[in-house]
Amino acid sequence: MAGDVQQGIEQLTRIVERNRILKLSPAEPIRGRMAFYFVARGYDKEWLFTLSHEALSDLPAMKTYQQAADRFARGLEGRFRNK
């Protein structure tokens, strides 16, 4: 994994897990693609999603990507609370 991608994964994990409601799985490379597979879990629920190498490597430097990741995580927290 390139350093920028690893930094992006680490930052994504911090953002998603910030409120200690969600837990993010380790990044799993998708075979034959330049992307990773993730699972966000909380309250016995889970959400599967993928992110490209490009998006992950840009995350540390792009405030808009960081804000989008935060909105995504907080939105999942709200959805996961619902029965």
N, C-alpha and C. Protein backbone atom coordinates (compact mmCIF):
# COMPACT_ATOMS: atom_id res chain seq x y z
N MET A 1 0.84 -1.17 0.00
CA MET A 1 0.00 0.00 0.00
C MET A 1 0.89 1.24 0.00
N ALA A 2 0.57 2.15 -0.83
CA ALA A 2 1.33 3.40 -0.87
C ALA A 2 1.08 4.19 0.41
N GLY A 3 2.06 5.02 0.76
CA GLY A 3 1.96 5.80 1.99
C GLY A 3 0.75 6.70 2.06
N ASP A 4 0.41 7.35 0.94
CA ASP A 4 -0.75 8.24 0.93
C ASP A 4 -2.05 7.46 1.14
N VAL A 5 -2.13 6.28 0.55
CA VAL A 5 -3.32 5.44 0.72
C VAL A 5 -3.43 5.01 2.17
N GLN A 6 -2.32 4.58 2.76
CA GLN A 6 -2.33 4.16 4.16
C GLN A 6 -2.74 5.31 5.08
N GLN A 7 -2.25 6.50 4.81
CA GLN A 7 -2.65 7.67 5.61
C GLN A 7 -4.15 7.93 5.45
N GLY A 8 -4.66 7.76 4.25
CA GLY A 8 -6.09 7.95 4.01
C GLY A 8 -6.93 6.94 4.77
N ILE A 9 -6.49 5.69 4.79
CA ILE A 9 -7.20 4.64 5.54
C ILE A 9 -7.19 4.96 7.02
N GLU A 10 -6.05 5.40 7.53
CA GLU A 10 -5.95 5.75 8.95
C GLU A 10 -6.85 6.93 9.29
N GLN A 11 -6.90 7.92 8.42
CA GLN A 11 -7.74 9.08 8.68
C GLN A 11 -9.22 8.70 8.59
N LEU A 12 -9.57 7.89 7.61
CA LEU A 12 -10.95 7.42 7.49
C LEU A 12 -11.38 6.67 8.75
N THR A 13 -10.50 5.82 9.24
CA THR A 13 -10.81 5.07 10.46
C THR A 13 -11.04 6.01 11.64
N ARG A 14 -10.18 7.02 11.78
CA ARG A 14 -10.37 7.99 12.89
C ARG A 14 -11.71 8.72 12.76
N ILE A 15 -12.05 9.12 11.55
CA ILE A 15 -13.31 9.84 11.33
C ILE A 15 -14.51 8.94 11.66
N VAL A 16 -14.51 7.74 11.11
CA VAL A 16 -15.64 6.83 11.29
C VAL A 16 -15.80 6.43 12.76
N GLU A 17 -14.70 6.17 13.43
CA GLU A 17 -14.75 5.67 14.81
C GLU A 17 -14.73 6.78 15.87
N ARG A 18 -14.73 8.03 15.45
CA ARG A 18 -14.57 9.16 16.36
C ARG A 18 -15.55 9.15 17.54
N ASN A 19 -16.80 8.87 17.31
CA ASN A 19 -17.80 8.91 18.39
C ASN A 19 -17.95 7.58 19.12
N ARG A 20 -17.11 6.61 18.79
CA ARG A 20 -17.11 5.30 19.45
C ARG A 20 -18.43 4.55 19.29
N ILE A 21 -19.17 4.86 18.25
CA ILE A 21 -20.41 4.14 17.94
C ILE A 21 -20.14 3.13 16.84
N LEU A 22 -19.41 3.56 15.82
CA LEU A 22 -19.10 2.71 14.68
C LEU A 22 -17.70 2.12 14.81
N LYS A 23 -17.53 0.98 14.23
CA LYS A 23 -16.22 0.33 14.13
C LYS A 23 -16.01 0.03 12.66
N LEU A 24 -14.84 0.37 12.14
CA LEU A 24 -14.52 0.15 10.74
C LEU A 24 -13.61 -1.06 10.61
N SER A 25 -13.96 -1.95 9.69
CA SER A 25 -13.14 -3.14 9.45
C SER A 25 -11.80 -2.73 8.85
N PRO A 26 -10.82 -3.61 8.94
CA PRO A 26 -9.57 -3.34 8.21
C PRO A 26 -9.86 -3.24 6.71
N ALA A 27 -9.08 -2.45 6.01
CA ALA A 27 -9.24 -2.30 4.57
C ALA A 27 -8.88 -3.60 3.87
N GLU A 28 -9.75 -4.06 2.99
CA GLU A 28 -9.49 -5.27 2.22
C GLU A 28 -9.34 -4.88 0.75
N PRO A 29 -8.18 -5.15 0.16
CA PRO A 29 -8.01 -4.82 -1.26
C PRO A 29 -8.99 -5.62 -2.12
N ILE A 30 -9.50 -5.00 -3.14
CA ILE A 30 -10.39 -5.68 -4.07
C ILE A 30 -9.52 -6.18 -5.23
N ARG A 31 -9.54 -7.44 -5.43
CA ARG A 31 -8.69 -8.07 -6.45
C ARG A 31 -8.99 -7.51 -7.84
N GLY A 32 -7.94 -7.12 -8.53
CA GLY A 32 -8.07 -6.64 -9.89
C GLY A 32 -8.56 -5.21 -10.02
N ARG A 33 -8.72 -4.52 -8.88
CA ARG A 33 -9.17 -3.12 -8.90
C ARG A 33 -8.29 -2.30 -7.97
N MET A 34 -8.20 -1.04 -8.24
CA MET A 34 -7.43 -0.15 -7.36
C MET A 34 -8.40 0.46 -6.34
N ALA A 35 -8.92 -0.41 -5.47
CA ALA A 35 -9.92 0.01 -4.49
C ALA A 35 -9.87 -0.91 -3.28
N PHE A 36 -10.49 -0.46 -2.21
CA PHE A 36 -10.58 -1.23 -0.98
C PHE A 36 -12.04 -1.37 -0.56
N TYR A 37 -12.31 -2.46 0.12
CA TYR A 37 -13.63 -2.81 0.63
C TYR A 37 -13.59 -2.58 2.14
N PHE A 38 -14.63 -1.96 2.67
CA PHE A 38 -14.75 -1.70 4.11
C PHE A 38 -16.12 -2.14 4.61
N VAL A 39 -16.20 -2.41 5.91
CA VAL A 39 -17.47 -2.66 6.56
C VAL A 39 -17.52 -1.79 7.81
N ALA A 40 -18.54 -0.94 7.89
CA ALA A 40 -18.78 -0.14 9.10
C ALA A 40 -19.83 -0.88 9.91
N ARG A 41 -19.57 -1.08 11.20
CA ARG A 41 -20.50 -1.81 12.07
C ARG A 41 -20.86 -0.97 13.29
N GLY A 42 -22.11 -1.15 13.73
CA GLY A 42 -22.59 -0.51 14.93
C GLY A 42 -23.99 -0.98 15.26
N TYR A 43 -24.30 -1.14 16.52
CA TYR A 43 -25.65 -1.57 16.95
C TYR A 43 -26.13 -2.82 16.20
N ASP A 44 -25.32 -3.83 16.06
CA ASP A 44 -25.69 -5.08 15.37
C ASP A 44 -26.05 -4.88 13.91
N LYS A 45 -25.64 -3.77 13.32
CA LYS A 45 -25.89 -3.52 11.90
C LYS A 45 -24.57 -3.28 11.22
N GLU A 46 -24.58 -3.39 9.90
CA GLU A 46 -23.36 -3.12 9.15
C GLU A 46 -23.68 -2.52 7.78
N TRP A 47 -22.70 -1.79 7.26
CA TRP A 47 -22.81 -1.15 5.95
C TRP A 47 -21.52 -1.43 5.20
N LEU A 48 -21.64 -2.00 4.02
CA LEU A 48 -20.48 -2.32 3.19
C LEU A 48 -20.28 -1.22 2.17
N PHE A 49 -19.03 -0.81 1.97
CA PHE A 49 -18.73 0.21 0.96
C PHE A 49 -17.31 0.06 0.46
N THR A 50 -17.03 0.68 -0.67
CA THR A 50 -15.69 0.66 -1.26
C THR A 50 -15.21 2.08 -1.48
N LEU A 51 -13.90 2.23 -1.48
CA LEU A 51 -13.27 3.50 -1.83
C LEU A 51 -12.06 3.21 -2.70
N SER A 52 -11.84 4.05 -3.68
CA SER A 52 -10.71 3.88 -4.58
C SER A 52 -9.41 4.32 -3.92
N HIS A 53 -8.31 3.83 -4.47
CA HIS A 53 -6.98 4.27 -4.02
C HIS A 53 -6.89 5.79 -4.14
N GLU A 54 -7.41 6.32 -5.24
CA GLU A 54 -7.34 7.77 -5.48
C GLU A 54 -8.05 8.55 -4.37
N ALA A 55 -9.28 8.13 -4.03
CA ALA A 55 -10.03 8.83 -2.99
C ALA A 55 -9.32 8.74 -1.65
N LEU A 56 -8.80 7.57 -1.33
CA LEU A 56 -8.10 7.39 -0.06
C LEU A 56 -6.80 8.19 0.00
N SER A 57 -6.07 8.24 -1.10
CA SER A 57 -4.82 8.99 -1.08
C SER A 57 -5.06 10.49 -1.03
N ASP A 58 -6.21 10.94 -1.54
CA ASP A 58 -6.55 12.37 -1.50
C ASP A 58 -7.17 12.80 -0.17
N LEU A 59 -7.72 11.86 0.58
CA LEU A 59 -8.44 12.18 1.81
C LEU A 59 -7.64 13.05 2.79
N PRO A 60 -6.37 12.74 3.10
CA PRO A 60 -5.64 13.56 4.08
C PRO A 60 -5.50 15.03 3.68
N ALA A 61 -5.47 15.33 2.40
CA ALA A 61 -5.24 16.71 1.95
C ALA A 61 -6.52 17.45 1.55
N MET A 62 -7.60 16.73 1.39
CA MET A 62 -8.84 17.33 0.86
C MET A 62 -9.88 17.53 1.97
N LYS A 63 -10.04 18.77 2.38
CA LYS A 63 -11.01 19.10 3.44
C LYS A 63 -12.42 18.65 3.05
N THR A 64 -12.78 18.82 1.78
CA THR A 64 -14.12 18.43 1.34
C THR A 64 -14.32 16.92 1.47
N TYR A 65 -13.30 16.12 1.20
CA TYR A 65 -13.40 14.67 1.36
C TYR A 65 -13.54 14.31 2.84
N GLN A 66 -12.81 15.01 3.69
CA GLN A 66 -12.89 14.76 5.13
C GLN A 66 -14.29 15.09 5.65
N GLN A 67 -14.85 16.20 5.18
CA GLN A 67 -16.20 16.59 5.59
C GLN A 67 -17.22 15.57 5.09
N ALA A 68 -17.05 15.09 3.87
CA ALA A 68 -17.97 14.09 3.32
C ALA A 68 -17.88 12.79 4.12
N ALA A 69 -16.68 12.38 4.50
CA ALA A 69 -16.51 11.16 5.30
C ALA A 69 -17.17 11.33 6.66
N ASP A 70 -17.06 12.51 7.23
CA ASP A 70 -17.69 12.77 8.53
C ASP A 70 -19.21 12.74 8.41
N ARG A 71 -19.75 13.37 7.37
CA ARG A 71 -21.22 13.33 7.16
C ARG A 71 -21.70 11.90 6.95
N PHE A 72 -20.94 11.12 6.19
CA PHE A 72 -21.27 9.72 5.96
C PHE A 72 -21.33 8.96 7.29
N ALA A 73 -20.29 9.11 8.11
CA ALA A 73 -20.21 8.38 9.37
C ALA A 73 -21.32 8.81 10.33
N ARG A 74 -21.55 10.11 10.45
CA ARG A 74 -22.61 10.57 11.37
C ARG A 74 -23.99 10.13 10.86
N GLY A 75 -24.18 10.11 9.55
CA GLY A 75 -25.42 9.62 8.97
C GLY A 75 -25.65 8.15 9.28
N LEU A 76 -24.59 7.36 9.17
CA LEU A 76 -24.70 5.94 9.50
C LEU A 76 -25.04 5.74 10.97
N GLU A 77 -24.42 6.53 11.82
CA GLU A 77 -24.73 6.42 13.25
C GLU A 77 -26.22 6.62 13.49
N GLY A 78 -26.79 7.64 12.86
CA GLY A 78 -28.21 7.90 13.01
C GLY A 78 -29.07 6.78 12.47
N ARG A 79 -28.73 6.29 11.31
CA ARG A 79 -29.50 5.18 10.71
C ARG A 79 -29.38 3.91 11.54
N PHE A 80 -28.19 3.63 12.04
CA PHE A 80 -27.99 2.42 12.82
C PHE A 80 -28.74 2.44 14.15
N ARG A 81 -29.02 3.63 14.68
CA ARG A 81 -29.79 3.73 15.93
C ARG A 81 -31.25 3.33 15.74
N ASN A 82 -31.76 3.54 14.53
CA ASN A 82 -33.16 3.19 14.24
C ASN A 82 -33.35 1.69 14.23
N LYS A 83 -34.51 1.27 14.68
CA LYS A 83 -34.82 -0.17 14.73
C LYS A 83 -35.22 -0.68 13.39
